[in-house]
Amino acid sequence: MLTDFGRIFAFMLLAAVFVVVAIIAAKFIRPSRSSTEKLMTYECGEDPVGSPWVKFNIRFYVVALIFLIFDVEIVLLIPWALVYKEFGFGGFLIGAIFLFLLGLGMAYEWRKGDLEWEKPKVVPPVLTKEQVVEEVEVHT
């Protein structure tokens, strides 16, 4: 009775209805106990200090991306490790090249210093007396 497009439309409509019903049901079921801690900007166990518009260290993103890249590559190694004997020496060689390139990438990131988890020390600017006097003279 339904065409292929009709089935796809019915599936999409059913999926949308399911999402809406789940959200509405969750609103009625979940407890609503607001507290000052729940309404804070950060819910990570750290008390927020200062402005939320502070520059964020890019190192956190770099480490996360490196983790994802190597994590996905390890997931690709699991099936290879299970069946590489069936492919003989060629399969082993391809896996060894892959592992070598993976190690080379890790060594590069390590040598570059992207894996160091050290916050840079913030050095506040210090004005000398001469700079303050010069600044006052310029504005007067």
C-alpha atoms as a PDB file:
ATOM      1  CA  MET A   1       0.000   0.000   0.000  1.00  0.00           C
ATOM      2  CA  LEU A   2       2.735   2.461   0.965  1.00  0.00           C
ATOM      3  CA  THR A   3       5.475   3.407  -1.415  1.00  0.00           C
ATOM      4  CA  ASP A   4       9.113   3.371  -0.317  1.00  0.00           C
ATOM      5  CA  PHE A   5       8.988   7.109   0.292  1.00  0.00           C
ATOM      6  CA  GLY A   6       5.803   6.678   2.319  1.00  0.00           C
ATOM      7  CA  ARG A   7       7.522   4.118   4.542  1.00  0.00           C
ATOM      8  CA  ILE A   8      10.484   6.452   5.062  1.00  0.00           C
ATOM      9  CA  PHE A   9       8.121   9.324   5.901  1.00  0.00           C
ATOM     10  CA  ALA A  10       6.168   7.121   8.340  1.00  0.00           C
ATOM     11  CA  PHE A  11       9.426   6.029   9.980  1.00  0.00           C
ATOM     12  CA  MET A  12      10.614   9.645  10.340  1.00  0.00           C
ATOM     13  CA  LEU A  13       7.234  10.720  11.696  1.00  0.00           C
ATOM     14  CA  LEU A  14       7.210   7.853  14.205  1.00  0.00           C
ATOM     15  CA  ALA A  15      10.755   8.748  15.289  1.00  0.00           C
ATOM     16  CA  ALA A  16       9.783  12.413  15.817  1.00  0.00           C
ATOM     17  CA  VAL A  17       6.694  11.397  17.805  1.00  0.00           C
ATOM     18  CA  PHE A  18       8.817   9.055  19.920  1.00  0.00           C
ATOM     19  CA  VAL A  19      11.293  11.845  20.734  1.00  0.00           C
ATOM     20  CA  VAL A  20       8.552  14.316  21.640  1.00  0.00           C
ATOM     21  CA  VAL A  21       6.729  11.771  23.825  1.00  0.00           C
ATOM     22  CA  ALA A  22       9.978  10.817  25.575  1.00  0.00           C
ATOM     23  CA  ILE A  23      10.811  14.468  26.333  1.00  0.00           C
ATOM     24  CA  ILE A  24       7.318  15.186  27.665  1.00  0.00           C
ATOM     25  CA  ALA A  25       7.306  11.995  29.770  1.00  0.00           C
ATOM     26  CA  ALA A  26      10.732  12.854  31.179  1.00  0.00           C
ATOM     27  CA  LYS A  27       9.496  16.315  32.165  1.00  0.00           C
ATOM     28  CA  PHE A  28       6.692  14.775  34.229  1.00  0.00           C
ATOM     29  CA  ILE A  29       8.762  11.955  35.740  1.00  0.00           C
ATOM     30  CA  ARG A  30      12.029  13.664  36.682  1.00  0.00           C
ATOM     31  CA  PRO A  31      12.356  15.413  40.037  1.00  0.00           C
ATOM     32  CA  SER A  32      12.589  19.175  39.957  1.00  0.00           C
ATOM     33  CA  ARG A  33      14.845  20.162  42.831  1.00  0.00           C
ATOM     34  CA  SER A  34      16.765  23.239  41.811  1.00  0.00           C
ATOM     35  CA  SER A  35      19.642  24.329  43.996  1.00  0.00           C
ATOM     36  CA  THR A  36      22.319  26.981  43.753  1.00  0.00           C
ATOM     37  CA  GLU A  37      24.898  24.355  42.805  1.00  0.00           C
ATOM     38  CA  LYS A  38      22.750  23.017  39.962  1.00  0.00           C
ATOM     39  CA  LEU A  39      22.228  26.520  38.610  1.00  0.00           C
ATOM     40  CA  MET A  40      25.950  27.307  38.568  1.00  0.00           C
ATOM     41  CA  THR A  41      27.763  27.616  35.256  1.00  0.00           C
ATOM     42  CA  TYR A  42      30.027  24.639  35.920  1.00  0.00           C
ATOM     43  CA  GLU A  43      28.871  21.336  37.376  1.00  0.00           C
ATOM     44  CA  CYS A  44      32.261  19.661  37.389  1.00  0.00           C
ATOM     45  CA  GLY A  45      33.165  19.891  41.061  1.00  0.00           C
ATOM     46  CA  GLU A  46      35.207  23.062  40.610  1.00  0.00           C
ATOM     47  CA  ASP A  47      33.987  26.358  41.931  1.00  0.00           C
ATOM     48  CA  PRO A  48      33.846  28.936  39.141  1.00  0.00           C
ATOM     49  CA  VAL A  49      36.308  31.729  39.785  1.00  0.00           C
ATOM     50  CA  GLY A  50      36.413  34.882  37.718  1.00  0.00           C
ATOM     51  CA  SER A  51      34.722  35.722  34.464  1.00  0.00           C
ATOM     52  CA  PRO A  52      33.398  32.954  32.187  1.00  0.00           C
ATOM     53  CA  TRP A  53      34.912  34.849  29.249  1.00  0.00           C
ATOM     54  CA  VAL A  54      38.484  33.966  30.193  1.00  0.00           C
ATOM     55  CA  LYS A  55      40.659  32.551  27.421  1.00  0.00           C
ATOM     56  CA  PHE A  56      40.713  28.769  27.601  1.00  0.00           C
ATOM     57  CA  ASN A  57      43.971  26.921  27.140  1.00  0.00           C
ATOM     58  CA  ILE A  58      43.939  25.180  23.746  1.00  0.00           C
ATOM     59  CA  ARG A  59      46.005  22.342  25.205  1.00  0.00           C
ATOM     60  CA  PHE A  60      42.860  20.701  26.626  1.00  0.00           C
ATOM     61  CA  TYR A  61      41.346  20.439  23.145  1.00  0.00           C
ATOM     62  CA  VAL A  62      44.603  19.191  21.636  1.00  0.00           C
ATOM     63  CA  VAL A  63      44.932  16.429  24.229  1.00  0.00           C
ATOM     64  CA  ALA A  64      41.288  15.430  23.695  1.00  0.00           C
ATOM     65  CA  LEU A  65      41.753  15.263  19.923  1.00  0.00           C
ATOM     66  CA  ILE A  66      44.950  13.251  20.254  1.00  0.00           C
ATOM     67  CA  PHE A  67      43.150  10.862  22.592  1.00  0.00           C
ATOM     68  CA  LEU A  68      40.299  10.417  20.102  1.00  0.00           C
ATOM     69  CA  ILE A  69      42.666   9.817  17.204  1.00  0.00           C
ATOM     70  CA  PHE A  70      44.690   7.171  19.023  1.00  0.00           C
ATOM     71  CA  ASP A  71      41.569   5.639  20.539  1.00  0.00           C
ATOM     72  CA  VAL A  72      39.998   5.137  17.114  1.00  0.00           C
ATOM     73  CA  GLU A  73      43.242   3.677  15.784  1.00  0.00           C
ATOM     74  CA  ILE A  74      43.358   1.193  18.647  1.00  0.00           C
ATOM     75  CA  VAL A  75      39.770   0.183  17.860  1.00  0.00           C
ATOM     76  CA  LEU A  76      40.903  -0.487  14.290  1.00  0.00           C
ATOM     77  CA  LEU A  77      43.742  -2.673  15.571  1.00  0.00           C
ATOM     78  CA  ILE A  78      41.455  -5.072  17.460  1.00  0.00           C
ATOM     79  CA  PRO A  79      39.932  -6.745  14.349  1.00  0.00           C
ATOM     80  CA  TRP A  80      43.366  -6.843  12.712  1.00  0.00           C
ATOM     81  CA  ALA A  81      44.838  -8.580  15.769  1.00  0.00           C
ATOM     82  CA  LEU A  82      42.119 -11.222  15.623  1.00  0.00           C
ATOM     83  CA  VAL A  83      42.550 -12.163  11.949  1.00  0.00           C
ATOM     84  CA  TYR A  84      46.065 -11.144  10.910  1.00  0.00           C
ATOM     85  CA  LYS A  85      47.274 -14.784  10.892  1.00  0.00           C
ATOM     86  CA  GLU A  86      44.839 -15.543   8.063  1.00  0.00           C
ATOM     87  CA  PHE A  87      46.545 -12.932   5.862  1.00  0.00           C
ATOM     88  CA  GLY A  88      50.027 -14.281   6.472  1.00  0.00           C
ATOM     89  CA  PHE A  89      53.145 -12.175   6.380  1.00  0.00           C
ATOM     90  CA  GLY A  90      51.493  -9.465   4.235  1.00  0.00           C
ATOM     91  CA  GLY A  91      48.813  -8.867   6.856  1.00  0.00           C
ATOM     92  CA  PHE A  92      51.429  -8.787   9.585  1.00  0.00           C
ATOM     93  CA  LEU A  93      53.540  -6.315   7.596  1.00  0.00           C
ATOM     94  CA  ILE A  94      50.598  -3.978   7.011  1.00  0.00           C
ATOM     95  CA  GLY A  95      49.772  -4.050  10.720  1.00  0.00           C
ATOM     96  CA  ALA A  96      53.410  -3.455  11.647  1.00  0.00           C
ATOM     97  CA  ILE A  97      53.574  -0.438   9.314  1.00  0.00           C
ATOM     98  CA  PHE A  98      50.357   0.886  10.845  1.00  0.00           C
ATOM     99  CA  LEU A  99      51.761   0.448  14.366  1.00  0.00           C
ATOM    100  CA  PHE A 100      55.032   2.106  13.327  1.00  0.00           C
ATOM    101  CA  LEU A 101      53.173   5.134  11.956  1.00  0.00           C
ATOM    102  CA  LEU A 102      51.037   5.236  15.095  1.00  0.00           C
ATOM    103  CA  GLY A 103      54.165   5.215  17.254  1.00  0.00           C
ATOM    104  CA  LEU A 104      55.793   7.829  15.039  1.00  0.00           C
ATOM    105  CA  GLY A 105      52.778  10.114  15.491  1.00  0.00           C
ATOM    106  CA  MET A 106      52.848   9.581  19.244  1.00  0.00           C
ATOM    107  CA  ALA A 107      56.580  10.351  19.372  1.00  0.00           C
ATOM    108  CA  TYR A 108      56.002  13.523  17.328  1.00  0.00           C
ATOM    109  CA  GLU A 109      53.285  14.739  19.694  1.00  0.00           C
ATOM    110  CA  TRP A 110      55.436  13.887  22.705  1.00  0.00           C
ATOM    111  CA  ARG A 111      58.497  15.653  21.279  1.00  0.00           C
ATOM    112  CA  LYS A 112      56.396  18.684  20.360  1.00  0.00           C
ATOM    113  CA  GLY A 113      55.287  18.914  24.005  1.00  0.00           C
ATOM    114  CA  ASP A 114      51.558  18.573  23.369  1.00  0.00           C
ATOM    115  CA  LEU A 115      51.232  15.736  25.877  1.00  0.00           C
ATOM    116  CA  GLU A 116      52.598  17.736  28.794  1.00  0.00           C
ATOM    117  CA  TRP A 117      49.821  18.499  31.227  1.00  0.00           C
ATOM    118  CA  GLU A 118      51.159  21.631  32.789  1.00  0.00           C
ATOM    119  CA  LYS A 119      49.322  24.882  33.084  1.00  0.00           C
ATOM    120  CA  PRO A 120      51.356  27.878  31.980  1.00  0.00           C
ATOM    121  CA  LYS A 121      52.220  30.233  34.800  1.00  0.00           C
ATOM    122  CA  VAL A 122      50.360  33.506  34.590  1.00  0.00           C
ATOM    123  CA  VAL A 123      52.654  36.469  35.051  1.00  0.00           C
ATOM    124  CA  PRO A 124      50.673  39.614  35.834  1.00  0.00           C
ATOM    125  CA  PRO A 125      51.920  42.757  34.131  1.00  0.00           C
ATOM    126  CA  VAL A 126      53.878  45.109  36.341  1.00  0.00           C
ATOM    127  CA  LEU A 127      54.069  48.831  35.639  1.00  0.00           C
ATOM    128  CA  THR A 128      57.141  50.741  36.672  1.00  0.00           C
ATOM    129  CA  LYS A 129      56.947  54.203  38.126  1.00  0.00           C
ATOM    130  CA  GLU A 130      58.351  55.705  34.924  1.00  0.00           C
ATOM    131  CA  GLN A 131      55.634  54.055  32.810  1.00  0.00           C
ATOM    132  CA  VAL A 132      52.896  55.393  35.092  1.00  0.00           C
ATOM    133  CA  VAL A 133      54.333  58.927  34.976  1.00  0.00           C
ATOM    134  CA  GLU A 134      54.681  58.718  31.185  1.00  0.00           C
ATOM    135  CA  GLU A 135      51.078  57.490  30.843  1.00  0.00           C
ATOM    136  CA  VAL A 136      49.784  60.342  33.011  1.00  0.00           C
ATOM    137  CA  GLU A 137      51.747  62.902  30.952  1.00  0.00           C
ATOM    138  CA  VAL A 138      50.325  61.551  27.700  1.00  0.00           C
ATOM    139  CA  HIS A 139      46.726  61.819  28.910  1.00  0.00           C
ATOM    140  CA  THR A 140      47.052  65.294  30.367  1.00  0.00           C
END
